[in-house]
């Protein structure tokens, strides 16, 4: 069930919408919105949004920091996501390629992938050039 849209929740949602192609930490969000929302309100709202399925909480293998991805952004539902371990950018895998991967795994490994819950980690083209 969706929580009442407070001013703080609206600020957080707006920030996440503007950064929908990124995975961001609560600290990054709190720093960016420090003049408008308290750090504790950021953490509290992220926790509630995670419970509502509006953000995905990801523990990065490279650090102990928890990062968040806004999954309520337009076009995110049911998409396989690719996340760069260098810059943190997250993008959608092309639908036809994702469908082939999901179908292949289902057929060959008798395993059903939940596209909305799956993130594939690697290096994006921009970071691979540097």
C-alpha atoms as a PDB file:
ATOM      1  CA  UNK A   1       0.000   0.000   0.000  1.00  0.00           C
ATOM      2  CA  UNK A   2       1.364   3.406  -0.931  1.00  0.00           C
ATOM      3  CA  UNK A   3       2.260   5.788   1.836  1.00  0.00           C
ATOM      4  CA  UNK A   4       0.812   9.301   2.038  1.00  0.00           C
ATOM      5  CA  UNK A   5       2.811  11.633  -0.229  1.00  0.00           C
ATOM      6  CA  UNK A   6       4.474  14.030   2.203  1.00  0.00           C
ATOM      7  CA  UNK A   7       6.656  16.920   1.064  1.00  0.00           C
ATOM      8  CA  UNK A   8       9.725  14.858   2.012  1.00  0.00           C
ATOM      9  CA  UNK A   9       8.478  11.834   0.060  1.00  0.00           C
ATOM     10  CA  UNK A  10       7.786  14.050  -2.970  1.00  0.00           C
ATOM     11  CA  UNK A  11      11.336  15.513  -2.820  1.00  0.00           C
ATOM     12  CA  UNK A  12      12.841  12.039  -2.595  1.00  0.00           C
ATOM     13  CA  UNK A  13      10.648  10.684  -5.399  1.00  0.00           C
ATOM     14  CA  UNK A  14      11.515  13.657  -7.616  1.00  0.00           C
ATOM     15  CA  UNK A  15      15.229  13.124  -6.963  1.00  0.00           C
ATOM     16  CA  UNK A  16      15.000   9.411  -7.728  1.00  0.00           C
ATOM     17  CA  UNK A  17      13.020  10.110 -10.906  1.00  0.00           C
ATOM     18  CA  UNK A  18      15.740  12.460 -12.120  1.00  0.00           C
ATOM     19  CA  UNK A  19      18.350   9.771 -11.405  1.00  0.00           C
ATOM     20  CA  UNK A  20      16.360   6.746 -12.578  1.00  0.00           C
ATOM     21  CA  UNK A  21      19.250   5.492 -14.713  1.00  0.00           C
ATOM     22  CA  UNK A  22      21.606   5.419 -11.726  1.00  0.00           C
ATOM     23  CA  UNK A  23      22.049   3.443  -8.574  1.00  0.00           C
ATOM     24  CA  UNK A  24      22.519   5.914  -5.735  1.00  0.00           C
ATOM     25  CA  UNK A  25      23.342   5.580  -2.063  1.00  0.00           C
ATOM     26  CA  UNK A  26      21.234   7.021   0.719  1.00  0.00           C
ATOM     27  CA  UNK A  27      24.227   9.194   1.596  1.00  0.00           C
ATOM     28  CA  UNK A  28      24.333  10.640  -1.932  1.00  0.00           C
ATOM     29  CA  UNK A  29      20.625  11.390  -1.757  1.00  0.00           C
ATOM     30  CA  UNK A  30      20.887  12.921   1.726  1.00  0.00           C
ATOM     31  CA  UNK A  31      23.815  15.095   0.606  1.00  0.00           C
ATOM     32  CA  UNK A  32      21.953  16.283  -2.501  1.00  0.00           C
ATOM     33  CA  UNK A  33      18.796  17.100  -0.561  1.00  0.00           C
ATOM     34  CA  UNK A  34      20.444  18.215   2.714  1.00  0.00           C
ATOM     35  CA  UNK A  35      18.905  21.685   2.589  1.00  0.00           C
ATOM     36  CA  UNK A  36      15.388  20.249   2.156  1.00  0.00           C
ATOM     37  CA  UNK A  37      15.160  16.891   3.971  1.00  0.00           C
ATOM     38  CA  UNK A  38      16.916  15.327   6.969  1.00  0.00           C
ATOM     39  CA  UNK A  39      19.191  12.311   6.622  1.00  0.00           C
ATOM     40  CA  UNK A  40      16.924  10.254   8.889  1.00  0.00           C
ATOM     41  CA  UNK A  41      13.914  11.116   6.704  1.00  0.00           C
ATOM     42  CA  UNK A  42      15.839   9.910   3.627  1.00  0.00           C
ATOM     43  CA  UNK A  43      16.582   6.554   5.280  1.00  0.00           C
ATOM     44  CA  UNK A  44      13.042   6.210   6.662  1.00  0.00           C
ATOM     45  CA  UNK A  45      11.420   6.971   3.313  1.00  0.00           C
ATOM     46  CA  UNK A  46      13.801   4.704   1.370  1.00  0.00           C
ATOM     47  CA  UNK A  47      12.942   1.867   3.744  1.00  0.00           C
ATOM     48  CA  UNK A  48       9.219   2.463   3.235  1.00  0.00           C
ATOM     49  CA  UNK A  49       9.640   2.752  -0.535  1.00  0.00           C
ATOM     50  CA  UNK A  50      11.564  -0.528  -0.577  1.00  0.00           C
ATOM     51  CA  UNK A  51       8.738  -2.240   1.308  1.00  0.00           C
ATOM     52  CA  UNK A  52       6.299  -0.818  -1.248  1.00  0.00           C
ATOM     53  CA  UNK A  53       8.413  -2.131  -4.137  1.00  0.00           C
ATOM     54  CA  UNK A  54       9.234   1.339  -5.442  1.00  0.00           C
ATOM     55  CA  UNK A  55      12.990   1.075  -4.921  1.00  0.00           C
ATOM     56  CA  UNK A  56      15.360  -1.860  -5.076  1.00  0.00           C
ATOM     57  CA  UNK A  57      17.997  -2.115  -2.344  1.00  0.00           C
ATOM     58  CA  UNK A  58      21.317  -3.467  -3.618  1.00  0.00           C
ATOM     59  CA  UNK A  59      24.368  -4.286  -1.526  1.00  0.00           C
ATOM     60  CA  UNK A  60      27.374  -3.523  -3.698  1.00  0.00           C
ATOM     61  CA  UNK A  61      29.992  -6.244  -3.848  1.00  0.00           C
ATOM     62  CA  UNK A  62      32.761  -3.654  -4.122  1.00  0.00           C
ATOM     63  CA  UNK A  63      31.847  -1.722  -0.977  1.00  0.00           C
ATOM     64  CA  UNK A  64      29.700  -2.217   2.069  1.00  0.00           C
ATOM     65  CA  UNK A  65      27.519   0.698   1.016  1.00  0.00           C
ATOM     66  CA  UNK A  66      23.899   0.021   0.154  1.00  0.00           C
ATOM     67  CA  UNK A  67      22.663   1.546  -3.081  1.00  0.00           C
ATOM     68  CA  UNK A  68      19.139   2.083  -4.323  1.00  0.00           C
ATOM     69  CA  UNK A  69      17.545   1.924  -7.728  1.00  0.00           C
ATOM     70  CA  UNK A  70      14.210   3.572  -8.400  1.00  0.00           C
ATOM     71  CA  UNK A  71      12.028   0.875  -9.932  1.00  0.00           C
ATOM     72  CA  UNK A  72       8.842   2.921 -10.227  1.00  0.00           C
ATOM     73  CA  UNK A  73      10.330   4.996 -13.029  1.00  0.00           C
ATOM     74  CA  UNK A  74       8.431   4.839 -16.304  1.00  0.00           C
ATOM     75  CA  UNK A  75       9.473   1.769 -18.282  1.00  0.00           C
ATOM     76  CA  UNK A  76      11.349  -0.034 -15.484  1.00  0.00           C
ATOM     77  CA  UNK A  77       8.756  -2.645 -14.648  1.00  0.00           C
ATOM     78  CA  UNK A  78       9.640  -6.061 -16.023  1.00  0.00           C
ATOM     79  CA  UNK A  79      12.981  -4.954 -17.445  1.00  0.00           C
ATOM     80  CA  UNK A  80      16.299  -6.673 -16.986  1.00  0.00           C
ATOM     81  CA  UNK A  81      18.784  -4.107 -15.703  1.00  0.00           C
ATOM     82  CA  UNK A  82      22.476  -3.698 -16.448  1.00  0.00           C
ATOM     83  CA  UNK A  83      24.548  -1.900 -13.808  1.00  0.00           C
ATOM     84  CA  UNK A  84      28.082  -0.571 -14.259  1.00  0.00           C
ATOM     85  CA  UNK A  85      30.322  -1.430 -11.315  1.00  0.00           C
ATOM     86  CA  UNK A  86      32.576   1.549 -12.074  1.00  0.00           C
ATOM     87  CA  UNK A  87      30.212   4.510 -12.479  1.00  0.00           C
ATOM     88  CA  UNK A  88      26.986   3.089 -11.023  1.00  0.00           C
ATOM     89  CA  UNK A  89      24.897   3.835 -14.108  1.00  0.00           C
ATOM     90  CA  UNK A  90      21.981   1.450 -14.507  1.00  0.00           C
ATOM     91  CA  UNK A  91      20.225   0.861 -17.812  1.00  0.00           C
ATOM     92  CA  UNK A  92      17.648  -1.443 -19.341  1.00  0.00           C
ATOM     93  CA  UNK A  93      18.809  -4.399 -21.376  1.00  0.00           C
ATOM     94  CA  UNK A  94      17.270  -4.378 -24.846  1.00  0.00           C
ATOM     95  CA  UNK A  95      13.948  -6.204 -24.588  1.00  0.00           C
ATOM     96  CA  UNK A  96      14.584  -8.708 -27.384  1.00  0.00           C
ATOM     97  CA  UNK A  97      17.976  -9.668 -25.932  1.00  0.00           C
ATOM     98  CA  UNK A  98      16.543  -9.936 -22.402  1.00  0.00           C
ATOM     99  CA  UNK A  99      13.702 -12.109 -23.678  1.00  0.00           C
ATOM    100  CA  UNK A 100      16.168 -14.426 -25.453  1.00  0.00           C
ATOM    101  CA  UNK A 101      18.273 -14.721 -22.296  1.00  0.00           C
ATOM    102  CA  UNK A 102      15.242 -15.423 -20.092  1.00  0.00           C
ATOM    103  CA  UNK A 103      13.856 -17.972 -22.579  1.00  0.00           C
ATOM    104  CA  UNK A 104      17.237 -19.684 -22.949  1.00  0.00           C
ATOM    105  CA  UNK A 105      17.709 -20.035 -19.195  1.00  0.00           C
ATOM    106  CA  UNK A 106      14.151 -21.332 -18.803  1.00  0.00           C
ATOM    107  CA  UNK A 107      14.652 -23.916 -21.563  1.00  0.00           C
ATOM    108  CA  UNK A 108      18.220 -25.040 -20.807  1.00  0.00           C
ATOM    109  CA  UNK A 109      18.357 -24.719 -17.039  1.00  0.00           C
ATOM    110  CA  UNK A 110      14.686 -25.147 -16.140  1.00  0.00           C
ATOM    111  CA  UNK A 111      14.875 -21.873 -14.204  1.00  0.00           C
ATOM    112  CA  UNK A 112      12.567 -18.884 -14.398  1.00  0.00           C
ATOM    113  CA  UNK A 113      14.243 -15.460 -14.162  1.00  0.00           C
ATOM    114  CA  UNK A 114      12.294 -12.619 -12.578  1.00  0.00           C
ATOM    115  CA  UNK A 115      13.297  -9.758 -14.884  1.00  0.00           C
ATOM    116  CA  UNK A 116      12.058  -7.096 -12.499  1.00  0.00           C
ATOM    117  CA  UNK A 117      14.301  -8.387  -9.723  1.00  0.00           C
ATOM    118  CA  UNK A 118      17.427  -9.113 -11.768  1.00  0.00           C
ATOM    119  CA  UNK A 119      20.459  -6.869 -12.164  1.00  0.00           C
ATOM    120  CA  UNK A 120      23.444  -7.896 -14.292  1.00  0.00           C
ATOM    121  CA  UNK A 121      26.714  -6.268 -13.262  1.00  0.00           C
ATOM    122  CA  UNK A 122      29.579  -5.369 -15.563  1.00  0.00           C
ATOM    123  CA  UNK A 123      31.349  -2.393 -17.146  1.00  0.00           C
ATOM    124  CA  UNK A 124      29.483   0.050 -19.401  1.00  0.00           C
ATOM    125  CA  UNK A 125      30.921   1.168 -22.744  1.00  0.00           C
ATOM    126  CA  UNK A 126      31.917   4.614 -21.411  1.00  0.00           C
ATOM    127  CA  UNK A 127      33.872   3.142 -18.482  1.00  0.00           C
ATOM    128  CA  UNK A 128      35.364   0.412 -20.653  1.00  0.00           C
ATOM    129  CA  UNK A 129      37.035   3.038 -22.804  1.00  0.00           C
ATOM    130  CA  UNK A 130      38.786   4.693 -19.862  1.00  0.00           C
END
